[in-house]
Amino acid sequence: MPLASLLRRIVASIVDAILAASCVFGLLRAGIGSREPLALIGVVVFALTAIPALMAVFEFRYGSTPGKWLARIRVTDDDGGRVRFSRALRRNFLKWCAPMGYATAAELGLVAHFRNLDFVSSTLLFAAYGLASMNVLAIWLSTYRQAIHDVLSDTLVLVAPRRTPIPPCPVKGLEEELHTGDRN
């Protein structure tokens, strides 16, 4: 199977991020409605651990997440076989926790910018965008098109084979008989 392109991986990540964000926002809305700070913290911690775990279950069970399924790509181990759950879990925690770090650095950079701490803000924003672009560069430049989380979890992302269409009925006239109900 050929290696998945950067474009397919980006499309799959966007779809998965939209699904994850809708789940997180739903959980946050439920937590905010309770007006208990501990409930809100519990919802956030649950969301940050449940989403990578759920994506790992998808990759272990089906070989792809919903976004990867739509982009027709799948995650395998480094030999092209089915990915073990431990690898899928490691891969997804690394994949989903890294953007949270980028976002935190970017948010801190924006806060520093609005407080007129230009050097701090530019440094944090540069670090956030630099870290985010490292995965894109890693996929683009590596031999096996592996992101950093793929290298650390010994996985590959491949194009899924096309589903073969159902061949036509080999017996002439049998198809018509089945549809019309004419039997001798």
C-alpha atoms as a PDB file:
ATOM      1  CA  MET A   1       0.000   0.000   0.000  1.00  0.00           C
ATOM      2  CA  PRO A   2       1.307   3.477  -0.779  1.00  0.00           C
ATOM      3  CA  LEU A   3       2.096   5.998   1.933  1.00  0.00           C
ATOM      4  CA  ALA A   4      -0.570   8.599   2.714  1.00  0.00           C
ATOM      5  CA  SER A   5       0.058  12.089   1.371  1.00  0.00           C
ATOM      6  CA  LEU A   6       0.281  15.168   3.536  1.00  0.00           C
ATOM      7  CA  LEU A   7      -2.999  16.485   2.070  1.00  0.00           C
ATOM      8  CA  ARG A   8      -4.932  13.328   2.986  1.00  0.00           C
ATOM      9  CA  ARG A   9      -3.516  13.453   6.504  1.00  0.00           C
ATOM     10  CA  ILE A  10      -4.467  17.113   6.917  1.00  0.00           C
ATOM     11  CA  VAL A  11      -8.029  16.450   5.687  1.00  0.00           C
ATOM     12  CA  ALA A  12      -8.359  13.516   8.098  1.00  0.00           C
ATOM     13  CA  SER A  13      -6.999  15.596  10.988  1.00  0.00           C
ATOM     14  CA  ILE A  14      -9.431  18.425  10.280  1.00  0.00           C
ATOM     15  CA  VAL A  15     -12.410  16.053  10.262  1.00  0.00           C
ATOM     16  CA  ASP A  16     -11.247  14.371  13.484  1.00  0.00           C
ATOM     17  CA  ALA A  17     -10.595  17.759  15.122  1.00  0.00           C
ATOM     18  CA  ILE A  18     -14.105  18.955  14.241  1.00  0.00           C
ATOM     19  CA  LEU A  19     -15.615  15.796  15.748  1.00  0.00           C
ATOM     20  CA  ALA A  20     -13.429  16.093  18.853  1.00  0.00           C
ATOM     21  CA  ALA A  21     -14.190  19.806  19.271  1.00  0.00           C
ATOM     22  CA  SER A  22     -17.928  19.183  19.054  1.00  0.00           C
ATOM     23  CA  CYS A  23     -17.641  16.539  21.791  1.00  0.00           C
ATOM     24  CA  VAL A  24     -15.500  18.819  23.973  1.00  0.00           C
ATOM     25  CA  PHE A  25     -17.834  21.796  23.539  1.00  0.00           C
ATOM     26  CA  GLY A  26     -20.815  19.618  24.406  1.00  0.00           C
ATOM     27  CA  LEU A  27     -19.089  18.366  27.546  1.00  0.00           C
ATOM     28  CA  LEU A  28     -17.925  21.861  28.479  1.00  0.00           C
ATOM     29  CA  ARG A  29     -21.429  23.206  28.074  1.00  0.00           C
ATOM     30  CA  ALA A  30     -22.697  20.533  30.417  1.00  0.00           C
ATOM     31  CA  GLY A  31     -19.916  21.352  32.906  1.00  0.00           C
ATOM     32  CA  ILE A  32     -20.530  25.093  32.734  1.00  0.00           C
ATOM     33  CA  GLY A  33     -24.213  24.557  33.375  1.00  0.00           C
ATOM     34  CA  SER A  34     -23.466  22.950  36.726  1.00  0.00           C
ATOM     35  CA  ARG A  35     -21.690  26.095  38.034  1.00  0.00           C
ATOM     36  CA  GLU A  36     -19.292  23.924  40.010  1.00  0.00           C
ATOM     37  CA  PRO A  37     -15.602  24.599  39.301  1.00  0.00           C
ATOM     38  CA  LEU A  38     -14.658  21.009  40.060  1.00  0.00           C
ATOM     39  CA  ALA A  39     -17.235  19.769  37.566  1.00  0.00           C
ATOM     40  CA  LEU A  40     -15.739  21.981  34.870  1.00  0.00           C
ATOM     41  CA  ILE A  41     -12.209  20.765  35.665  1.00  0.00           C
ATOM     42  CA  GLY A  42     -13.480  17.177  35.615  1.00  0.00           C
ATOM     43  CA  VAL A  43     -15.074  17.692  32.206  1.00  0.00           C
ATOM     44  CA  VAL A  44     -11.864  19.167  30.787  1.00  0.00           C
ATOM     45  CA  VAL A  45      -9.689  16.355  32.189  1.00  0.00           C
ATOM     46  CA  PHE A  46     -12.168  13.761  30.942  1.00  0.00           C
ATOM     47  CA  ALA A  47     -12.219  15.311  27.465  1.00  0.00           C
ATOM     48  CA  LEU A  48      -8.430  15.533  27.272  1.00  0.00           C
ATOM     49  CA  THR A  49      -8.048  11.850  28.108  1.00  0.00           C
ATOM     50  CA  ALA A  50     -11.168  10.412  26.477  1.00  0.00           C
ATOM     51  CA  ILE A  51     -10.628  11.831  22.988  1.00  0.00           C
ATOM     52  CA  PRO A  52      -7.124  10.367  22.462  1.00  0.00           C
ATOM     53  CA  ALA A  53      -8.304   7.089  23.993  1.00  0.00           C
ATOM     54  CA  LEU A  54     -11.370   6.964  21.717  1.00  0.00           C
ATOM     55  CA  MET A  55      -9.263   7.700  18.637  1.00  0.00           C
ATOM     56  CA  ALA A  56      -6.866   4.931  19.723  1.00  0.00           C
ATOM     57  CA  VAL A  57      -9.786   2.494  19.953  1.00  0.00           C
ATOM     58  CA  PHE A  58     -10.860   3.462  16.418  1.00  0.00           C
ATOM     59  CA  GLU A  59      -7.339   2.933  15.073  1.00  0.00           C
ATOM     60  CA  PHE A  60      -6.896  -0.361  16.906  1.00  0.00           C
ATOM     61  CA  ARG A  61     -10.313  -1.762  15.997  1.00  0.00           C
ATOM     62  CA  TYR A  62     -10.836  -0.397  12.476  1.00  0.00           C
ATOM     63  CA  GLY A  63      -7.386   0.829  11.439  1.00  0.00           C
ATOM     64  CA  SER A  64      -8.653   4.386  11.031  1.00  0.00           C
ATOM     65  CA  THR A  65     -10.537   7.164  12.758  1.00  0.00           C
ATOM     66  CA  PRO A  66     -13.661   8.675  11.146  1.00  0.00           C
ATOM     67  CA  GLY A  67     -11.526  11.352   9.468  1.00  0.00           C
ATOM     68  CA  LYS A  68      -9.006   8.815   8.212  1.00  0.00           C
ATOM     69  CA  TRP A  69     -11.846   6.645   6.931  1.00  0.00           C
ATOM     70  CA  LEU A  70     -13.206   9.568   4.897  1.00  0.00           C
ATOM     71  CA  ALA A  71      -9.720  10.362   3.562  1.00  0.00           C
ATOM     72  CA  ARG A  72      -9.211   6.642   2.784  1.00  0.00           C
ATOM     73  CA  ILE A  73      -6.097   6.235   4.921  1.00  0.00           C
ATOM     74  CA  ARG A  74      -5.262   3.812   7.704  1.00  0.00           C
ATOM     75  CA  VAL A  75      -2.741   3.466  10.514  1.00  0.00           C
ATOM     76  CA  THR A  76      -0.545   0.370  10.609  1.00  0.00           C
ATOM     77  CA  ASP A  77       2.471  -0.750  12.570  1.00  0.00           C
ATOM     78  CA  ASP A  78       5.886  -0.224  11.023  1.00  0.00           C
ATOM     79  CA  ASP A  79       5.613  -3.553   9.145  1.00  0.00           C
ATOM     80  CA  GLY A  80       2.243  -2.698   7.591  1.00  0.00           C
ATOM     81  CA  GLY A  81       0.279  -4.951   9.956  1.00  0.00           C
ATOM     82  CA  ARG A  82      -2.538  -4.142  12.330  1.00  0.00           C
ATOM     83  CA  VAL A  83      -1.527  -1.574  14.949  1.00  0.00           C
ATOM     84  CA  ARG A  84      -1.470  -2.778  18.567  1.00  0.00           C
ATOM     85  CA  PHE A  85      -3.610  -0.889  21.076  1.00  0.00           C
ATOM     86  CA  SER A  86      -0.582   0.294  23.072  1.00  0.00           C
ATOM     87  CA  ARG A  87       0.944   1.859  19.957  1.00  0.00           C
ATOM     88  CA  ALA A  88      -2.355   3.429  18.932  1.00  0.00           C
ATOM     89  CA  LEU A  89      -2.806   4.861  22.423  1.00  0.00           C
ATOM     90  CA  ARG A  90       0.743   6.264  22.516  1.00  0.00           C
ATOM     91  CA  ARG A  91       0.324   7.711  19.015  1.00  0.00           C
ATOM     92  CA  ASN A  92      -2.946   9.459  19.829  1.00  0.00           C
ATOM     93  CA  PHE A  93      -1.851  10.875  23.168  1.00  0.00           C
ATOM     94  CA  LEU A  94       1.234  12.320  21.477  1.00  0.00           C
ATOM     95  CA  LYS A  95      -0.840  13.565  18.545  1.00  0.00           C
ATOM     96  CA  TRP A  96      -3.647  15.167  20.577  1.00  0.00           C
ATOM     97  CA  CYS A  97      -1.598  16.532  23.483  1.00  0.00           C
ATOM     98  CA  ALA A  98       0.974  18.319  21.317  1.00  0.00           C
ATOM     99  CA  PRO A  99      -1.560  20.730  19.730  1.00  0.00           C
ATOM    100  CA  MET A 100      -2.816  21.593  23.190  1.00  0.00           C
ATOM    101  CA  GLY A 101       0.721  22.661  24.031  1.00  0.00           C
ATOM    102  CA  TYR A 102       0.911  24.703  20.826  1.00  0.00           C
ATOM    103  CA  ALA A 103      -2.404  26.352  21.604  1.00  0.00           C
ATOM    104  CA  THR A 104      -1.311  27.152  25.156  1.00  0.00           C
ATOM    105  CA  ALA A 105       1.914  28.732  23.898  1.00  0.00           C
ATOM    106  CA  ALA A 106      -0.042  30.737  21.315  1.00  0.00           C
ATOM    107  CA  GLU A 107      -2.569  31.901  23.913  1.00  0.00           C
ATOM    108  CA  LEU A 108       0.195  32.957  26.285  1.00  0.00           C
ATOM    109  CA  GLY A 109       1.843  34.764  23.390  1.00  0.00           C
ATOM    110  CA  LEU A 110      -1.377  36.644  22.631  1.00  0.00           C
ATOM    111  CA  VAL A 111      -1.836  37.559  26.300  1.00  0.00           C
ATOM    112  CA  ALA A 112       1.734  38.849  26.414  1.00  0.00           C
ATOM    113  CA  HIS A 113       1.112  40.810  23.214  1.00  0.00           C
ATOM    114  CA  PHE A 114      -1.922  42.565  24.639  1.00  0.00           C
ATOM    115  CA  ARG A 115       0.058  43.424  27.769  1.00  0.00           C
ATOM    116  CA  ASN A 116       2.743  45.038  25.588  1.00  0.00           C
ATOM    117  CA  LEU A 117       5.338  42.365  26.284  1.00  0.00           C
ATOM    118  CA  ASP A 118       6.405  42.254  22.644  1.00  0.00           C
ATOM    119  CA  PHE A 119       9.525  40.121  23.046  1.00  0.00           C
ATOM    120  CA  VAL A 120       7.711  37.498  25.142  1.00  0.00           C
ATOM    121  CA  SER A 121       4.682  37.449  22.853  1.00  0.00           C
ATOM    122  CA  SER A 122       6.707  37.126  19.669  1.00  0.00           C
ATOM    123  CA  THR A 123       8.856  34.386  21.215  1.00  0.00           C
ATOM    124  CA  LEU A 124       5.846  32.363  22.399  1.00  0.00           C
ATOM    125  CA  LEU A 125       3.938  32.775  19.140  1.00  0.00           C
ATOM    126  CA  PHE A 126       7.043  31.839  17.159  1.00  0.00           C
ATOM    127  CA  ALA A 127       7.505  28.757  19.357  1.00  0.00           C
ATOM    128  CA  ALA A 128       3.852  27.732  18.935  1.00  0.00           C
ATOM    129  CA  TYR A 129       3.895  28.019  15.152  1.00  0.00           C
ATOM    130  CA  GLY A 130       7.355  26.519  14.950  1.00  0.00           C
ATOM    131  CA  LEU A 131       6.310  23.452  16.932  1.00  0.00           C
ATOM    132  CA  ALA A 132       3.146  23.041  14.895  1.00  0.00           C
ATOM    133  CA  SER A 133       5.018  23.229  11.616  1.00  0.00           C
ATOM    134  CA  MET A 134       7.573  20.629  12.757  1.00  0.00           C
ATOM    135  CA  ASN A 135       5.035  17.826  12.236  1.00  0.00           C
ATOM    136  CA  VAL A 136       4.239  19.083   8.746  1.00  0.00           C
ATOM    137  CA  LEU A 137       7.946  19.259   7.926  1.00  0.00           C
ATOM    138  CA  ALA A 138       8.526  15.817   9.418  1.00  0.00           C
ATOM    139  CA  ILE A 139       5.822  14.311   7.193  1.00  0.00           C
ATOM    140  CA  TRP A 140       7.041  16.213   4.161  1.00  0.00           C
ATOM    141  CA  LEU A 141      10.743  15.407   4.580  1.00  0.00           C
ATOM    142  CA  SER A 142      10.795  11.906   6.069  1.00  0.00           C
ATOM    143  CA  THR A 143      11.248   8.831   3.898  1.00  0.00           C
ATOM    144  CA  TYR A 144       8.120   7.134   5.214  1.00  0.00           C
ATOM    145  CA  ARG A 145       6.067  10.350   5.588  1.00  0.00           C
ATOM    146  CA  GLN A 146       5.941   9.928   9.353  1.00  0.00           C
ATOM    147  CA  ALA A 147       4.978  12.677  11.771  1.00  0.00           C
ATOM    148  CA  ILE A 148       6.825  12.901  15.071  1.00  0.00           C
ATOM    149  CA  HIS A 149       4.095  10.934  16.868  1.00  0.00           C
ATOM    150  CA  ASP A 150       4.350   8.198  14.183  1.00  0.00           C
ATOM    151  CA  VAL A 151       8.106   7.874  14.660  1.00  0.00           C
ATOM    152  CA  LEU A 152       7.757   7.705  18.450  1.00  0.00           C
ATOM    153  CA  SER A 153       5.024   5.060  18.262  1.00  0.00           C
ATOM    154  CA  ASP A 154       6.465   3.017  15.334  1.00  0.00           C
ATOM    155  CA  THR A 155       3.453   3.465  13.068  1.00  0.00           C
ATOM    156  CA  LEU A 156       2.857   4.236   9.402  1.00  0.00           C
ATOM    157  CA  VAL A 157      -0.097   5.936   7.723  1.00  0.00           C
ATOM    158  CA  LEU A 158      -0.984   4.275   4.420  1.00  0.00           C
ATOM    159  CA  VAL A 159      -3.580   4.757   1.719  1.00  0.00           C
ATOM    160  CA  ALA A 160      -6.355   2.216   2.290  1.00  0.00           C
ATOM    161  CA  PRO A 161      -7.020  -0.163  -0.586  1.00  0.00           C
ATOM    162  CA  ARG A 162     -10.050   0.627  -2.721  1.00  0.00           C
ATOM    163  CA  ARG A 163     -13.127  -1.364  -2.005  1.00  0.00           C
ATOM    164  CA  THR A 164     -13.795  -3.635  -4.950  1.00  0.00           C
ATOM    165  CA  PRO A 165     -17.237  -3.254  -6.519  1.00  0.00           C
ATOM    166  CA  ILE A 166     -19.568  -6.228  -6.493  1.00  0.00           C
ATOM    167  CA  PRO A 167     -19.017  -8.093  -9.755  1.00  0.00           C
ATOM    168  CA  PRO A 168     -21.976  -8.659 -12.068  1.00  0.00           C
ATOM    169  CA  CYS A 169     -23.842 -11.927 -11.799  1.00  0.00           C
ATOM    170  CA  PRO A 170     -21.992 -14.562 -13.866  1.00  0.00           C
ATOM    171  CA  VAL A 171     -25.121 -16.514 -14.872  1.00  0.00           C
ATOM    172  CA  LYS A 172     -26.970 -14.831 -17.741  1.00  0.00           C
ATOM    173  CA  GLY A 173     -30.610 -14.155 -16.949  1.00  0.00           C
ATOM    174  CA  LEU A 174     -30.373 -15.140 -13.265  1.00  0.00           C
ATOM    175  CA  GLU A 175     -30.362 -11.500 -12.199  1.00  0.00           C
ATOM    176  CA  GLU A 176     -33.638 -10.810 -14.033  1.00  0.00           C
ATOM    177  CA  GLU A 177     -35.274 -13.914 -12.553  1.00  0.00           C
ATOM    178  CA  LEU A 178     -34.306 -12.878  -9.042  1.00  0.00           C
ATOM    179  CA  HIS A 179     -35.770  -9.403  -9.524  1.00  0.00           C
ATOM    180  CA  THR A 180     -39.007 -10.437 -11.268  1.00  0.00           C
ATOM    181  CA  GLY A 181     -39.640 -13.570  -9.281  1.00  0.00           C
ATOM    182  CA  ASP A 182     -40.164 -15.744 -12.392  1.00  0.00           C
ATOM    183  CA  ARG A 183     -39.174 -19.233 -11.435  1.00  0.00           C
ATOM    184  CA  ASN A 184     -39.971 -22.539 -13.137  1.00  0.00           C
END
